[in-house]
Protein backbone atom coordinates (compact mmCIF):
# COMPACT_ATOMS: atom_id res chain seq x y z
CA MET A 1 -16.24 20.64 -3.27
CA LYS A 2 -14.39 18.69 -0.88
CA THR A 3 -10.87 18.20 -0.99
CA CYS A 4 -8.55 15.11 -0.56
CA ILE A 5 -4.56 14.37 -0.98
CA ILE A 6 -3.12 11.50 -2.62
CA PHE A 7 0.40 10.92 -1.49
CA GLY A 8 2.10 8.43 -3.56
CA GLY A 9 -0.71 9.25 -6.38
CA TYR A 10 1.58 8.38 -9.46
CA GLY A 11 2.17 4.92 -8.23
CA TYR A 12 -0.39 1.95 -9.64
CA ILE A 13 -2.83 2.12 -6.48
CA GLY A 14 -2.76 5.90 -6.58
CA ARG A 15 -3.62 6.57 -10.43
CA HIS A 16 -6.48 4.40 -10.14
CA LEU A 17 -7.71 5.78 -6.97
CA ALA A 18 -7.61 9.10 -8.35
CA VAL A 19 -9.59 8.53 -11.19
CA SER A 20 -12.46 7.00 -8.90
CA LEU A 21 -12.32 10.19 -6.95
CA LYS A 22 -12.50 12.51 -8.87
CA ASN A 23 -16.41 13.01 -9.14
CA ILE A 24 -16.27 13.14 -4.96
CA PHE A 25 -13.19 15.20 -4.40
CA LYS A 26 -11.33 17.76 -5.80
CA VAL A 27 -7.78 15.23 -5.83
CA TYR A 28 -4.27 16.56 -5.22
CA SER A 29 -1.51 14.07 -6.21
CA PHE A 30 1.82 14.06 -5.13
CA GLY A 31 4.98 12.09 -5.17
CA ASN A 32 8.02 12.56 -3.00
CA SER A 33 10.31 14.86 -5.40
CA THR A 34 13.44 12.89 -4.64
CA TYR A 35 12.54 9.59 -6.32
CA SER A 36 9.32 11.08 -8.73
CA GLU A 37 9.65 11.28 -12.36
CA LYS A 38 10.04 14.89 -13.59
CA ASN A 39 6.84 16.69 -14.57
CA ARG A 40 4.72 15.41 -12.06
CA ARG A 41 3.68 17.39 -8.69
CA THR A 42 6.09 16.47 -6.33
CA PHE A 43 7.55 17.82 -3.47
CA ASN A 44 10.35 17.14 -0.65
CA TYR A 45 8.72 14.98 1.75
CA ASN A 46 9.61 16.66 4.81
CA LEU A 47 7.66 18.33 8.06
CA LYS A 48 7.56 21.60 6.91
CA ASN A 49 6.52 21.07 3.41
CA PHE A 50 4.01 18.46 4.75
CA GLU A 51 2.45 21.31 7.15
CA LYS A 52 2.31 23.99 4.20
CA LYS A 53 0.94 21.76 1.74
CA ILE A 54 -1.80 20.21 3.97
CA LYS A 55 -2.58 23.32 5.49
CA LYS A 56 -3.34 25.16 2.03
CA ILE A 57 -5.15 22.21 0.51
CA SER A 58 -7.26 21.55 3.71
CA PRO A 59 -8.44 18.12 2.67
CA SER A 60 -11.17 15.85 4.42
CA VAL A 61 -9.41 12.56 3.38
CA ILE A 62 -5.60 11.91 3.09
CA PHE A 63 -4.36 8.54 1.61
CA PHE A 64 -0.99 7.48 2.27
CA LEU A 65 0.41 5.16 -0.26
CA SER A 66 3.64 6.37 -0.68
CA GLY A 67 6.80 4.00 -0.20
CA ASN A 68 8.24 0.97 -1.09
CA SER A 69 5.82 -1.29 -3.56
CA TYR A 70 8.09 -4.23 -3.96
CA PRO A 71 9.91 -6.25 -0.77
CA ILE A 72 12.51 -7.31 -3.37
CA ASN A 73 13.69 -3.74 -3.47
CA SER A 74 15.13 -3.93 0.17
CA LEU A 75 16.63 -7.34 0.03
CA ASP A 76 20.19 -5.87 -0.13
CA ASN A 77 19.48 -2.65 1.53
CA HIS A 78 18.55 -2.66 4.95
CA LEU A 79 17.87 1.10 5.12
CA TYR A 80 15.92 1.00 1.96
CA ASP A 81 12.92 1.01 3.79
CA ILE A 82 13.83 3.08 6.52
CA GLU A 83 14.62 6.24 4.81
CA ARG A 84 11.65 5.83 1.84
CA SER A 85 9.29 4.89 4.45
CA ASN A 86 9.37 5.22 8.47
CA THR A 87 11.73 8.57 8.27
CA ILE A 88 8.78 10.22 6.10
CA ILE A 89 5.73 8.83 7.63
CA GLN A 90 7.50 10.12 11.26
CA ASN A 91 7.51 13.88 9.06
CA PHE A 92 4.04 13.02 7.74
CA LEU A 93 2.28 12.37 11.04
CA THR A 94 3.99 15.17 13.14
CA ALA A 95 3.20 17.55 10.56
CA LEU A 96 -0.33 16.58 11.22
CA LYS A 97 -0.46 16.88 14.86
CA ASN A 98 1.28 20.10 14.25
CA ILE A 99 -1.59 21.83 12.62
CA ASN A 100 -4.12 19.70 14.39
CA PHE A 101 -5.53 18.01 11.41
CA LYS A 102 -9.23 16.88 11.95
CA GLY A 103 -9.73 14.86 8.69
CA LYS A 104 -9.22 11.37 7.91
CA ILE A 105 -5.68 9.35 7.15
CA ILE A 106 -5.86 6.12 5.38
CA TYR A 107 -2.41 4.31 5.20
CA THR A 108 -1.91 0.89 2.94
CA SER A 109 0.13 -1.65 5.23
CA SER A 110 0.95 -5.08 3.83
CA ILE A 111 -0.08 -8.66 4.85
CA ALA A 112 4.01 -9.18 5.30
CA VAL A 113 3.83 -7.66 8.47
CA TYR A 114 2.43 -11.37 9.38
CA GLY A 115 5.21 -13.48 8.11
CA LYS A 116 4.16 -17.03 8.33
CA ASP A 117 2.98 -17.12 11.73
CA LYS A 118 1.29 -20.20 14.20
CA ASN A 119 -1.81 -18.12 14.01
CA PHE A 120 -2.72 -18.89 10.39
CA LYS A 121 -5.73 -21.42 10.22
CA LYS A 122 -6.84 -23.05 6.98
CA ASN A 123 -6.37 -19.93 4.08
CA TYR A 124 -6.97 -17.26 6.77
CA VAL A 125 -4.95 -14.79 8.84
CA TYR A 126 -6.73 -12.20 11.54
CA GLU A 127 -6.03 -8.82 11.96
CA ASN A 128 -5.02 -10.02 15.79
CA SER A 129 -2.77 -12.97 14.75
CA GLU A 130 1.22 -12.67 15.66
CA LEU A 131 2.93 -10.03 13.85
CA ASN A 132 6.04 -12.19 12.39
CA PRO A 133 7.63 -10.10 9.75
CA LYS A 134 10.16 -11.93 7.75
CA ASN A 135 12.20 -9.80 5.75
CA TYR A 136 13.07 -5.61 6.01
CA TYR A 137 10.18 -5.02 3.90
CA GLY A 138 7.57 -6.43 6.76
CA LEU A 139 9.44 -4.91 9.28
CA SER A 140 9.08 -1.44 8.13
CA LYS A 141 5.61 -1.84 7.56
CA VAL A 142 5.39 -3.20 11.40
CA MET A 143 7.09 -0.20 12.71
CA ALA A 144 4.92 2.36 10.09
CA GLU A 145 1.77 0.62 11.34
CA GLN A 146 2.98 1.70 15.17
CA GLN A 147 4.09 4.91 14.01
CA PHE A 148 -0.06 5.49 13.02
CA ILE A 149 -1.28 3.95 16.15
CA TYR A 150 1.18 6.33 18.26
CA PHE A 151 -0.29 9.01 16.78
CA HIS A 152 -3.99 8.19 16.97
CA LYS A 153 -3.76 7.04 20.47
CA ASN A 154 -1.46 9.93 21.74
CA PHE A 155 -2.94 12.88 19.41
CA GLY A 156 -6.53 11.80 18.14
CA LEU A 157 -5.58 11.57 14.50
CA LYS A 158 -8.27 9.74 12.85
CA ILE A 159 -6.33 6.29 11.37
CA TYR A 160 -7.37 3.58 9.03
CA ILE A 161 -4.72 0.77 8.16
CA LEU A 162 -5.14 -1.69 5.61
CA ARG A 163 -3.44 -4.53 5.46
CA LEU A 164 -3.21 -5.06 1.49
CA SER A 165 -2.52 -8.51 -0.04
CA SER A 166 -0.88 -8.84 -3.72
CA ILE A 167 -2.63 -6.28 -6.03
CA PHE A 168 -3.15 -7.17 -9.38
CA GLY A 169 -4.75 -5.55 -12.83
CA MET A 170 -4.71 -5.50 -16.44
CA ASP A 171 -2.24 -2.56 -16.71
CA LEU A 172 0.19 -3.07 -13.91
CA GLU A 173 3.24 -4.50 -15.42
CA LYS A 174 5.56 -5.40 -12.11
CA GLN A 175 3.59 -8.29 -10.61
CA VAL A 176 3.87 -11.91 -10.92
CA ILE A 177 0.60 -12.48 -12.92
CA TYR A 178 1.75 -10.13 -15.54
CA LYS A 179 5.00 -11.73 -15.76
CA ILE A 180 3.58 -15.20 -16.16
CA ILE A 181 1.14 -13.79 -18.80
CA LYS A 182 3.67 -12.23 -20.75
CA LEU A 183 6.26 -15.11 -20.35
CA SER A 184 3.40 -17.45 -21.43
CA ASN A 185 2.80 -15.66 -24.75
CA ILE A 186 6.51 -16.53 -26.02
CA LYS A 187 6.57 -19.36 -28.56
CA LYS A 188 8.19 -22.44 -28.00
CA LEU A 189 8.56 -21.41 -24.12
CA LYS A 190 10.36 -24.20 -22.31
CA LYS A 191 10.01 -22.77 -18.96
CA ILE A 192 9.52 -20.12 -16.67
CA THR A 193 11.74 -18.69 -13.69
CA LEU A 194 10.50 -16.70 -11.10
CA ASN A 195 11.92 -15.74 -7.30
CA GLY A 196 10.71 -18.05 -4.54
CA LYS A 197 9.53 -22.01 -4.09
CA ILE A 198 7.70 -24.07 -6.09
CA THR A 199 5.19 -24.33 -3.54
CA ASP A 200 4.77 -20.40 -2.74
CA SER A 201 1.18 -19.12 -2.53
CA ARG A 202 -0.34 -15.70 -2.36
CA GLN A 203 -3.69 -13.85 -1.52
CA PHE A 204 -4.80 -11.59 -4.30
CA ILE A 205 -6.95 -8.56 -4.71
CA PHE A 206 -7.94 -6.91 -7.91
CA ILE A 207 -7.35 -3.14 -8.29
CA GLU A 208 -11.07 -2.20 -8.66
CA ASP A 209 -12.35 -4.11 -6.12
CA LEU A 210 -9.51 -2.27 -3.76
CA ILE A 211 -10.67 1.18 -5.10
CA LYS A 212 -14.51 0.07 -4.31
CA ILE A 213 -13.10 -0.54 -0.48
CA PHE A 214 -11.30 3.13 -0.47
CA LEU A 215 -14.75 4.20 -1.31
CA LEU A 216 -16.71 2.61 1.50
CA LEU A 217 -13.93 3.71 3.82
CA ILE A 218 -14.32 7.15 3.03
CA ASN A 219 -17.65 7.63 4.75
CA ASN A 220 -17.02 5.17 7.55
CA LYS A 221 -17.52 7.25 10.78
CA LYS A 222 -14.80 5.32 13.06
CA ASN A 223 -12.04 6.90 14.13
CA PHE A 224 -9.81 4.10 14.22
CA LEU A 225 -9.84 1.02 11.68
CA LEU A 226 -7.16 -2.00 11.15
CA LEU A 227 -8.20 -4.28 8.34
CA ASN A 228 -6.88 -7.18 6.29
CA VAL A 229 -7.74 -6.53 2.98
CA SER A 230 -7.39 -9.56 0.36
CA ASN A 231 -9.89 -12.22 -1.31
CA GLY A 232 -9.65 -14.30 1.37
CA LYS A 233 -7.85 -17.30 -0.35
CA LYS A 234 -4.50 -18.73 -1.03
CA TYR A 235 -3.41 -19.51 -4.80
CA LYS A 236 -0.46 -21.30 -5.53
CA ILE A 237 2.28 -19.59 -8.05
CA SER A 238 2.75 -22.91 -9.81
CA ASP A 239 -1.41 -23.35 -10.21
CA ILE A 240 -1.26 -19.92 -11.77
CA ILE A 241 1.49 -20.81 -13.98
CA SER A 242 -0.50 -23.67 -15.38
CA TYR A 243 -3.87 -21.84 -15.38
CA ILE A 244 -2.42 -18.80 -17.79
CA HIS A 245 -0.02 -20.97 -19.52
CA LYS A 246 -2.71 -23.51 -20.40
CA LYS A 247 -5.41 -20.48 -21.41
């Protein structure tokens, strides 16, 4: 049986992905020992460890999902994403180059790379739209994409970059839909307070739909892909609040 590695395998996406892949691959999930909980398969995400682990397992596909999952984490720390994402990504990609890795790498970026740019048309933003991040998180994702593209162009790594919209699912607790549902269950609730503006809107994708996309990409033959992943429609947070509270 072929093998695959999920770096960031203990996060929300990684856990769901590992379950879906277990009948296709022998799955190895890892977390960064600097940040992960105890009693999980972890190691320090440095260059030598990446080289050793990837060479030993010899996967045909690597999913790189590690990094900051929530933009709010980096609001007060300008180095948060650099340390937890970009430095690690450079070690990861350099290790792949050094061991002459021939498999496929799937990296999850974010639609935060766009910000609110002039190329938005109706409810859509396109892969070739202007990148205009509005926070440190989005800036880090732009930098990470460029790191992956650089190693693809200069060293022939097979790279798939997925710019994800907001993920939601029944067992994801740190997310706006979950928070609204939880607050709406409080008896005699008079108001709901969330960060942002009342006019804010988001595009979403259900976790099971994202997993289906991952499964399709495993068999894709292209050497490079850059894709927006979403349901293609914006929803106002205020409308979501009204809908859930009514139900």
